[in-house]
Amino acid sequence: MNKLKEARLAAGLSQAALSKKYGIPIRTIENWDSGKRIPSEWLENLLIRIIREDMDEKRVWEKVCKK
């Protein structure tokens, strides 16, 4: 499995959710997930970082709201 797909799944995002949230065409995400196409390294790293930052922010807000 590729790193971008792993990050997407770890964040609990479907292909459609990732597409909508970041404005990426769903066909592009499908192609990346299936290995038909590979995003450039800089783009893959950027998206993974953004997905992880969003996950971390979500966890912080969940902790704050539980108090």
Foldseek 3Di string as FASTA:
>chain_A
DDPLVVLCVVLVHDLVRVCVVPVNPSVVVVCCVVVVDPDPPVVSVVNSVVSVVVSVVVVVVVVVVVD
